[in-house]
């Protein structure tokens, strides 16, 4: 499944253009702009499955750093500061990774 099966290419382009500069990524505005905030829990779960590159059932810090590249191969990687802030926002149980329920909560925050 491609991410464009769930999200429109136009929305993805718009969301990526809003965070091209280092340290400009804001997950709340990104999720809103890309249209993920308005998707069903099942659709959000499918996007989680795409972001979970190693299929471990979690999005770890390394996968978060490459978060934007899941939307476009030409997108930048997140800075260390952005990655750590993103992880801290999503990791509600403190295990150092984001599970699917945590991701769904993060998207709807």
N, C-alpha and C. Protein backbone atom coordinates (compact mmCIF):
# COMPACT_ATOMS: atom_id res chain seq x y z
N UNK A 1 0.84 -1.19 0.00
CA UNK A 1 0.00 0.00 0.00
C UNK A 1 0.88 1.25 0.00
N UNK A 2 0.51 2.19 -0.82
CA UNK A 2 1.23 3.46 -0.88
C UNK A 2 0.54 4.49 -0.01
N UNK A 3 1.30 5.40 0.50
CA UNK A 3 0.75 6.44 1.37
C UNK A 3 -0.27 7.30 0.60
N UNK A 4 -0.08 7.39 -0.74
CA UNK A 4 -1.01 8.17 -1.56
C UNK A 4 -2.35 7.44 -1.78
N UNK A 5 -2.45 6.18 -1.31
CA UNK A 5 -3.75 5.49 -1.33
C UNK A 5 -4.66 6.07 -0.25
N UNK A 6 -4.06 6.71 0.75
CA UNK A 6 -4.82 7.25 1.88
C UNK A 6 -4.81 8.78 1.88
N UNK A 7 -3.68 9.36 1.53
CA UNK A 7 -3.52 10.82 1.56
C UNK A 7 -3.29 11.35 0.15
N UNK A 8 -3.80 12.54 -0.13
CA UNK A 8 -3.65 13.08 -1.49
C UNK A 8 -2.23 13.61 -1.71
N UNK A 9 -1.74 13.44 -2.92
CA UNK A 9 -0.40 13.90 -3.29
C UNK A 9 -0.28 15.42 -3.09
N UNK A 10 -1.35 16.13 -3.38
CA UNK A 10 -1.36 17.59 -3.22
C UNK A 10 -1.19 17.98 -1.74
N UNK A 11 -1.90 17.29 -0.86
CA UNK A 11 -1.79 17.56 0.58
C UNK A 11 -0.40 17.20 1.10
N UNK A 12 0.15 16.10 0.61
CA UNK A 12 1.50 15.69 1.01
C UNK A 12 2.50 16.75 0.60
N UNK A 13 2.40 17.21 -0.65
CA UNK A 13 3.31 18.24 -1.15
C UNK A 13 3.21 19.52 -0.30
N UNK A 14 2.00 19.91 0.02
CA UNK A 14 1.78 21.10 0.82
C UNK A 14 2.38 20.95 2.23
N UNK A 15 2.15 19.79 2.85
CA UNK A 15 2.67 19.55 4.20
C UNK A 15 4.20 19.53 4.20
N UNK A 16 4.79 18.89 3.20
CA UNK A 16 6.26 18.83 3.13
C UNK A 16 6.87 20.20 2.87
N UNK A 17 6.21 21.02 2.05
CA UNK A 17 6.76 22.34 1.76
C UNK A 17 6.72 23.25 2.99
N UNK A 18 5.83 22.94 3.93
CA UNK A 18 5.72 23.76 5.13
C UNK A 18 6.83 23.49 6.15
N UNK A 19 7.60 22.44 5.93
CA UNK A 19 8.65 22.10 6.90
C UNK A 19 9.97 21.75 6.21
N UNK A 20 10.30 22.48 5.16
CA UNK A 20 11.54 22.22 4.43
C UNK A 20 12.79 22.63 5.21
N UNK A 21 12.69 23.69 5.99
CA UNK A 21 13.85 24.18 6.74
C UNK A 21 14.08 23.31 7.98
N UNK A 22 15.34 23.12 8.33
CA UNK A 22 15.67 22.38 9.54
C UNK A 22 14.96 23.00 10.74
N UNK A 23 14.51 22.16 11.63
CA UNK A 23 13.83 22.55 12.87
C UNK A 23 12.52 23.31 12.64
N UNK A 24 11.89 23.10 11.48
CA UNK A 24 10.59 23.74 11.21
C UNK A 24 9.44 22.74 11.27
N UNK A 25 9.74 21.46 11.55
CA UNK A 25 8.71 20.42 11.58
C UNK A 25 7.88 20.52 12.85
N UNK A 26 6.56 20.56 12.67
CA UNK A 26 5.63 20.55 13.79
C UNK A 26 4.62 19.45 13.47
N UNK A 27 4.63 18.39 14.26
CA UNK A 27 3.79 17.23 13.94
C UNK A 27 2.30 17.58 13.88
N UNK A 28 1.82 18.47 14.75
CA UNK A 28 0.40 18.81 14.74
C UNK A 28 -0.01 19.48 13.43
N UNK A 29 0.76 20.49 13.01
CA UNK A 29 0.41 21.16 11.76
C UNK A 29 0.65 20.25 10.56
N UNK A 30 1.68 19.38 10.64
CA UNK A 30 1.93 18.44 9.54
C UNK A 30 0.76 17.49 9.38
N UNK A 31 0.31 16.88 10.49
CA UNK A 31 -0.81 15.93 10.42
C UNK A 31 -2.07 16.60 9.90
N UNK A 32 -2.28 17.84 10.29
CA UNK A 32 -3.45 18.59 9.83
C UNK A 32 -3.35 18.90 8.34
N UNK A 33 -2.20 19.44 7.92
CA UNK A 33 -2.01 19.82 6.51
C UNK A 33 -2.06 18.62 5.58
N UNK A 34 -1.46 17.52 6.01
CA UNK A 34 -1.42 16.32 5.15
C UNK A 34 -2.77 15.60 5.14
N UNK A 35 -3.68 16.00 6.03
CA UNK A 35 -5.02 15.42 6.04
C UNK A 35 -5.17 14.20 6.93
N UNK A 36 -4.13 13.84 7.65
CA UNK A 36 -4.19 12.63 8.47
C UNK A 36 -5.11 12.81 9.68
N UNK A 37 -5.18 14.01 10.21
CA UNK A 37 -6.01 14.27 11.40
C UNK A 37 -7.48 13.96 11.16
N UNK A 38 -7.92 14.06 9.92
CA UNK A 38 -9.34 13.84 9.61
C UNK A 38 -9.62 12.41 9.14
N UNK A 39 -8.64 11.55 9.19
CA UNK A 39 -8.83 10.16 8.72
C UNK A 39 -9.39 9.29 9.83
N UNK A 40 -9.94 8.13 9.44
CA UNK A 40 -10.50 7.19 10.41
C UNK A 40 -9.37 6.48 11.16
N UNK A 41 -9.67 5.91 12.33
CA UNK A 41 -8.64 5.15 13.06
C UNK A 41 -8.01 4.05 12.20
N UNK A 42 -8.82 3.41 11.35
CA UNK A 42 -8.29 2.35 10.49
C UNK A 42 -7.31 2.92 9.46
N UNK A 43 -7.64 4.08 8.88
CA UNK A 43 -6.73 4.71 7.91
C UNK A 43 -5.44 5.15 8.60
N UNK A 44 -5.55 5.67 9.80
CA UNK A 44 -4.36 6.09 10.56
C UNK A 44 -3.49 4.87 10.85
N UNK A 45 -4.14 3.75 11.18
CA UNK A 45 -3.41 2.50 11.44
C UNK A 45 -2.65 2.04 10.19
N UNK A 46 -3.26 2.21 9.02
CA UNK A 46 -2.60 1.83 7.76
C UNK A 46 -1.37 2.72 7.51
N UNK A 47 -1.49 4.02 7.80
CA UNK A 47 -0.35 4.92 7.65
C UNK A 47 0.75 4.52 8.64
N UNK A 48 0.37 4.17 9.85
CA UNK A 48 1.33 3.69 10.85
C UNK A 48 2.10 2.50 10.29
N UNK A 49 1.39 1.58 9.65
CA UNK A 49 2.03 0.39 9.07
C UNK A 49 3.07 0.74 8.02
N UNK A 50 2.84 1.82 7.27
CA UNK A 50 3.80 2.28 6.27
C UNK A 50 5.01 2.90 6.97
N UNK A 51 4.76 3.67 8.02
CA UNK A 51 5.85 4.34 8.75
C UNK A 51 6.70 3.36 9.54
N UNK A 52 6.11 2.24 9.97
CA UNK A 52 6.82 1.20 10.72
C UNK A 52 7.62 0.36 9.73
N UNK A 53 8.75 0.90 9.29
CA UNK A 53 9.55 0.28 8.23
C UNK A 53 9.99 -1.15 8.53
N UNK A 54 10.36 -1.43 9.77
CA UNK A 54 10.85 -2.76 10.10
C UNK A 54 9.74 -3.72 10.57
N UNK A 55 8.50 -3.23 10.52
CA UNK A 55 7.31 -4.02 10.88
C UNK A 55 7.41 -4.61 12.29
N UNK A 56 7.99 -3.83 13.21
CA UNK A 56 8.14 -4.28 14.60
C UNK A 56 6.89 -4.01 15.43
N UNK A 57 5.96 -3.23 14.87
CA UNK A 57 4.77 -2.85 15.63
C UNK A 57 4.97 -1.53 16.36
N UNK A 58 6.16 -0.94 16.15
CA UNK A 58 6.49 0.34 16.78
C UNK A 58 7.25 1.21 15.80
N UNK A 59 7.16 2.52 16.01
CA UNK A 59 8.00 3.45 15.27
C UNK A 59 9.09 3.89 16.24
N UNK A 60 10.32 3.46 15.95
CA UNK A 60 11.46 3.80 16.79
C UNK A 60 12.09 5.10 16.33
N UNK A 61 13.06 5.58 17.11
CA UNK A 61 13.69 6.87 16.83
C UNK A 61 14.28 6.94 15.42
N UNK A 62 14.93 5.87 14.97
CA UNK A 62 15.54 5.86 13.63
C UNK A 62 14.47 6.02 12.55
N UNK A 63 13.33 5.37 12.74
CA UNK A 63 12.23 5.48 11.77
C UNK A 63 11.61 6.88 11.82
N UNK A 64 11.54 7.46 13.00
CA UNK A 64 11.00 8.82 13.13
C UNK A 64 11.88 9.82 12.40
N UNK A 65 13.19 9.62 12.49
CA UNK A 65 14.11 10.55 11.83
C UNK A 65 13.85 10.57 10.32
N UNK A 66 13.44 9.45 9.77
CA UNK A 66 13.16 9.34 8.33
C UNK A 66 11.68 9.54 8.02
N UNK A 67 10.91 10.02 8.99
CA UNK A 67 9.47 10.19 8.88
C UNK A 67 9.03 10.85 7.58
N UNK A 68 9.61 12.01 7.25
CA UNK A 68 9.18 12.77 6.06
C UNK A 68 9.47 12.01 4.77
N UNK A 69 10.52 11.18 4.76
CA UNK A 69 10.88 10.43 3.56
C UNK A 69 9.82 9.39 3.19
N UNK A 70 8.98 9.02 4.15
CA UNK A 70 7.87 8.10 3.85
C UNK A 70 6.83 8.77 2.96
N UNK A 71 6.81 10.09 2.99
CA UNK A 71 5.84 10.85 2.21
C UNK A 71 6.40 11.24 0.84
N UNK A 72 7.73 11.42 0.77
CA UNK A 72 8.41 11.72 -0.49
C UNK A 72 9.89 11.40 -0.32
N UNK A 73 10.44 10.66 -1.28
CA UNK A 73 11.85 10.28 -1.18
C UNK A 73 12.77 11.49 -1.23
N UNK A 74 12.29 12.61 -1.75
CA UNK A 74 13.13 13.81 -1.84
C UNK A 74 13.04 14.67 -0.57
N UNK A 75 12.19 14.28 0.38
CA UNK A 75 12.05 15.05 1.62
C UNK A 75 13.30 14.90 2.48
N UNK A 76 13.48 15.86 3.38
CA UNK A 76 14.65 15.83 4.26
C UNK A 76 14.42 14.88 5.44
N UNK A 77 15.52 14.56 6.13
CA UNK A 77 15.39 13.81 7.38
C UNK A 77 15.15 14.83 8.50
N UNK A 78 14.49 14.39 9.55
CA UNK A 78 14.26 15.28 10.69
C UNK A 78 15.57 15.48 11.44
N UNK A 79 15.74 16.66 12.00
CA UNK A 79 16.93 16.92 12.81
C UNK A 79 16.81 16.11 14.11
N UNK A 80 17.90 15.99 14.81
CA UNK A 80 17.91 15.28 16.08
C UNK A 80 16.92 15.92 17.06
N UNK A 81 16.89 17.25 17.09
CA UNK A 81 15.97 17.98 17.98
C UNK A 81 14.52 17.67 17.63
N UNK A 82 14.20 17.71 16.33
CA UNK A 82 12.83 17.43 15.88
C UNK A 82 12.44 15.99 16.21
N UNK A 83 13.37 15.06 15.96
CA UNK A 83 13.10 13.65 16.19
C UNK A 83 12.82 13.38 17.67
N UNK A 84 13.65 13.94 18.53
CA UNK A 84 13.48 13.73 19.98
C UNK A 84 12.18 14.36 20.49
N UNK A 85 11.82 15.54 19.97
CA UNK A 85 10.57 16.20 20.38
C UNK A 85 9.36 15.39 19.89
N UNK A 86 9.44 14.87 18.68
CA UNK A 86 8.37 14.07 18.09
C UNK A 86 8.18 12.79 18.91
N UNK A 87 9.29 12.14 19.24
CA UNK A 87 9.25 10.91 20.03
C UNK A 87 8.67 11.19 21.42
N UNK A 88 9.13 12.26 22.04
CA UNK A 88 8.64 12.61 23.38
C UNK A 88 7.14 12.88 23.38
N UNK A 89 6.64 13.51 22.31
CA UNK A 89 5.22 13.82 22.21
C UNK A 89 4.38 12.55 22.05
N UNK A 90 4.91 11.58 21.32
CA UNK A 90 4.14 10.38 21.01
C UNK A 90 4.31 9.23 21.98
N UNK A 91 5.45 9.17 22.64
CA UNK A 91 5.77 8.04 23.53
C UNK A 91 5.18 8.26 24.91
N UNK A 92 3.91 7.93 25.06
CA UNK A 92 3.22 8.21 26.33
C UNK A 92 3.55 7.21 27.44
N UNK A 93 4.02 6.01 27.08
CA UNK A 93 4.34 5.03 28.12
C UNK A 93 5.83 4.97 28.47
N UNK A 94 6.63 5.81 27.81
CA UNK A 94 8.05 5.94 28.16
C UNK A 94 8.94 4.77 27.75
N UNK A 95 8.51 3.99 26.76
CA UNK A 95 9.34 2.85 26.35
C UNK A 95 10.32 3.19 25.22
N UNK A 96 10.35 4.46 24.81
CA UNK A 96 11.32 4.88 23.80
C UNK A 96 10.88 4.64 22.36
N UNK A 97 9.62 4.33 22.17
CA UNK A 97 9.09 4.10 20.82
C UNK A 97 7.60 4.41 20.82
N UNK A 98 7.04 4.53 19.62
CA UNK A 98 5.63 4.89 19.48
C UNK A 98 4.86 3.69 18.91
N UNK A 99 3.88 3.22 19.68
CA UNK A 99 3.01 2.13 19.23
C UNK A 99 1.84 2.70 18.43
N UNK A 100 1.04 1.82 17.88
CA UNK A 100 -0.06 2.26 17.01
C UNK A 100 -1.09 3.10 17.77
N UNK A 101 -1.42 2.71 19.01
CA UNK A 101 -2.39 3.49 19.78
C UNK A 101 -1.82 4.87 20.11
N UNK A 102 -0.53 4.91 20.46
CA UNK A 102 0.12 6.19 20.74
C UNK A 102 0.12 7.07 19.50
N UNK A 103 0.36 6.47 18.34
CA UNK A 103 0.38 7.21 17.08
C UNK A 103 -1.01 7.77 16.78
N UNK A 104 -2.04 6.96 16.97
CA UNK A 104 -3.41 7.43 16.73
C UNK A 104 -3.75 8.60 17.64
N UNK A 105 -3.34 8.53 18.90
CA UNK A 105 -3.57 9.64 19.84
C UNK A 105 -2.81 10.89 19.42
N UNK A 106 -1.58 10.69 18.95
CA UNK A 106 -0.74 11.80 18.51
C UNK A 106 -1.36 12.52 17.31
N UNK A 107 -1.85 11.74 16.36
CA UNK A 107 -2.48 12.29 15.16
C UNK A 107 -3.73 13.09 15.52
N UNK A 108 -4.50 12.61 16.47
CA UNK A 108 -5.76 13.26 16.84
C UNK A 108 -5.59 14.36 17.88
N UNK A 109 -4.35 14.56 18.39
CA UNK A 109 -4.09 15.55 19.44
C UNK A 109 -4.39 16.97 18.99
